[in-house]
Amino acid sequence: RVRQTVPPKATVMVLSKGDSALLRFNGRIGWHFPRQPNGTYSGHYPANSDEAIQGLESLRRKGAQFLVVPSTARWWLAHYVDFGRHLQSRYELAADVAQSCLIFDLRARKAKR
């Protein structure tokens, strides 16, 4: 799904829990989310929505262009309610594949309504 949705050479963050296999995209750059400054998985989940939002926005400013939420990580959007609202209110949902993933386009913010 990523190859069909994300342009070549784009930087893609994945809610990965450290699984490097989830970062292998043909012609795209994969980053863990959340991650440490050296690029490795942070080793833990954010404490709350505010921490998740801060992490997302920090990495977006550093070049992340898309966020992939694998089906196994969709619980984030219910657990981190304000994080889910932040994504849905500010960024376009580029793909929603029920048994696969959600892909948010972080390149441009949605127009305020």
Protein backbone atom coordinates (compact mmCIF):
# COMPACT_ATOMS: atom_id res chain seq x y z
CA ARG A 1 0.00 0.00 0.00
CA VAL A 2 2.86 2.42 0.76
CA ARG A 3 4.30 2.05 -2.74
CA GLN A 4 0.87 2.87 -4.20
CA THR A 5 0.30 5.92 -1.99
CA VAL A 6 3.66 7.47 -1.13
CA PRO A 7 5.88 9.04 -3.79
CA PRO A 8 9.43 7.73 -4.32
CA LYS A 9 12.12 9.20 -2.04
CA ALA A 10 9.55 10.34 0.55
CA THR A 11 10.26 9.91 4.26
CA VAL A 12 7.74 7.62 5.93
CA MET A 13 7.34 7.17 9.68
CA VAL A 14 5.80 3.94 10.94
CA LEU A 15 4.31 3.13 14.31
CA SER A 16 6.71 0.22 14.38
CA LYS A 17 7.49 -0.86 17.97
CA GLY A 18 11.04 -1.37 16.72
CA ASP A 19 10.32 -3.80 13.87
CA SER A 20 12.84 -2.78 11.20
CA ALA A 21 11.07 -4.92 8.60
CA LEU A 22 8.22 -2.41 8.68
CA LEU A 23 10.61 0.31 7.49
CA ARG A 24 11.62 -1.36 4.23
CA PHE A 25 9.96 0.53 1.43
CA ASN A 26 11.24 0.29 -2.11
CA GLY A 27 12.60 3.74 -2.95
CA ARG A 28 11.30 5.41 0.23
CA ILE A 29 12.99 6.26 3.54
CA GLY A 30 11.51 4.56 6.62
CA TRP A 31 11.68 5.94 10.17
CA HIS A 32 10.47 4.45 13.43
CA PHE A 33 7.85 6.36 15.37
CA PRO A 34 8.47 7.04 18.15
CA ARG A 35 12.23 7.18 17.74
CA GLN A 36 15.41 8.28 19.45
CA PRO A 37 17.66 11.02 17.99
CA ASN A 38 19.92 8.31 16.49
CA GLY A 39 16.96 6.90 14.53
CA THR A 40 16.37 3.73 16.53
CA TYR A 41 13.03 2.91 18.09
CA SER A 42 12.58 4.82 21.34
CA GLY A 43 11.93 1.62 23.29
CA HIS A 44 8.68 2.88 24.80
CA TYR A 45 5.36 4.44 23.92
CA PRO A 46 4.62 8.09 24.62
CA ALA A 47 3.28 8.83 28.09
CA ASN A 48 0.25 10.64 26.68
CA SER A 49 -1.23 12.34 23.62
CA ASP A 50 0.73 15.54 24.17
CA GLU A 51 4.02 13.63 24.08
CA ALA A 52 2.91 11.74 20.96
CA ILE A 53 1.92 14.99 19.22
CA GLN A 54 5.18 16.68 20.17
CA GLY A 55 7.14 13.70 18.82
CA LEU A 56 5.17 13.66 15.59
CA GLU A 57 5.52 17.39 14.98
CA SER A 58 9.23 17.37 15.84
CA LEU A 59 9.89 14.61 13.31
CA ARG A 60 7.66 16.28 10.73
CA ARG A 61 9.81 19.41 11.04
CA LYS A 62 12.88 17.20 10.51
CA GLY A 63 11.52 15.85 7.25
CA ALA A 64 8.92 13.14 7.91
CA GLN A 65 6.30 13.39 5.17
CA PHE A 66 3.95 10.48 5.89
CA LEU A 67 2.84 8.47 8.91
CA VAL A 68 1.83 4.83 8.54
CA VAL A 69 -0.37 3.33 11.23
CA PRO A 70 -0.31 -0.46 10.71
CA SER A 71 -3.53 -2.29 11.57
CA THR A 72 -1.79 -3.69 14.67
CA ALA A 73 -1.22 -0.11 15.91
CA ARG A 74 -4.66 1.38 15.26
CA TRP A 75 -5.27 1.19 19.00
CA TRP A 76 -3.07 4.31 19.26
CA LEU A 77 -5.91 6.41 17.85
CA ALA A 78 -8.27 5.27 20.62
CA HIS A 79 -5.69 5.24 23.42
CA TYR A 80 -4.09 8.57 22.49
CA VAL A 81 -7.38 10.29 21.70
CA ASP A 82 -5.98 13.80 21.25
CA PHE A 83 -3.17 12.42 19.07
CA GLY A 84 -5.78 10.79 16.82
CA ARG A 85 -7.77 14.02 16.69
CA HIS A 86 -4.60 15.94 15.88
CA LEU A 87 -3.86 13.68 12.91
CA GLN A 88 -7.41 13.67 11.60
CA SER A 89 -7.94 17.41 11.97
CA ARG A 90 -4.60 18.54 10.50
CA TYR A 91 -3.53 15.99 7.91
CA GLU A 92 -5.09 14.27 4.93
CA LEU A 93 -5.78 10.56 5.21
CA ALA A 94 -4.01 9.31 2.08
CA ALA A 95 -5.04 5.66 2.50
CA ASP A 96 -7.31 3.60 4.74
CA VAL A 97 -7.02 -0.12 4.16
CA ALA A 98 -9.02 -1.98 6.82
CA GLN A 99 -6.75 -5.01 7.26
CA SER A 100 -3.52 -3.22 6.42
CA CYS A 101 -2.92 0.37 7.50
CA LEU A 102 -3.76 4.03 7.61
CA ILE A 103 -1.43 6.47 5.86
CA PHE A 104 -1.48 10.14 6.80
CA ASP A 105 0.06 12.74 4.51
CA LEU A 106 2.02 15.12 6.75
CA ARG A 107 3.30 17.38 3.97
CA ALA A 108 0.55 19.97 4.09
CA ARG A 109 -1.87 20.87 6.81
CA LYS A 110 -5.59 20.75 6.14
CA ALA A 111 -7.33 24.08 5.72
CA LYS A 112 -9.10 25.17 8.90
CA ARG A 113 -12.85 24.87 8.69
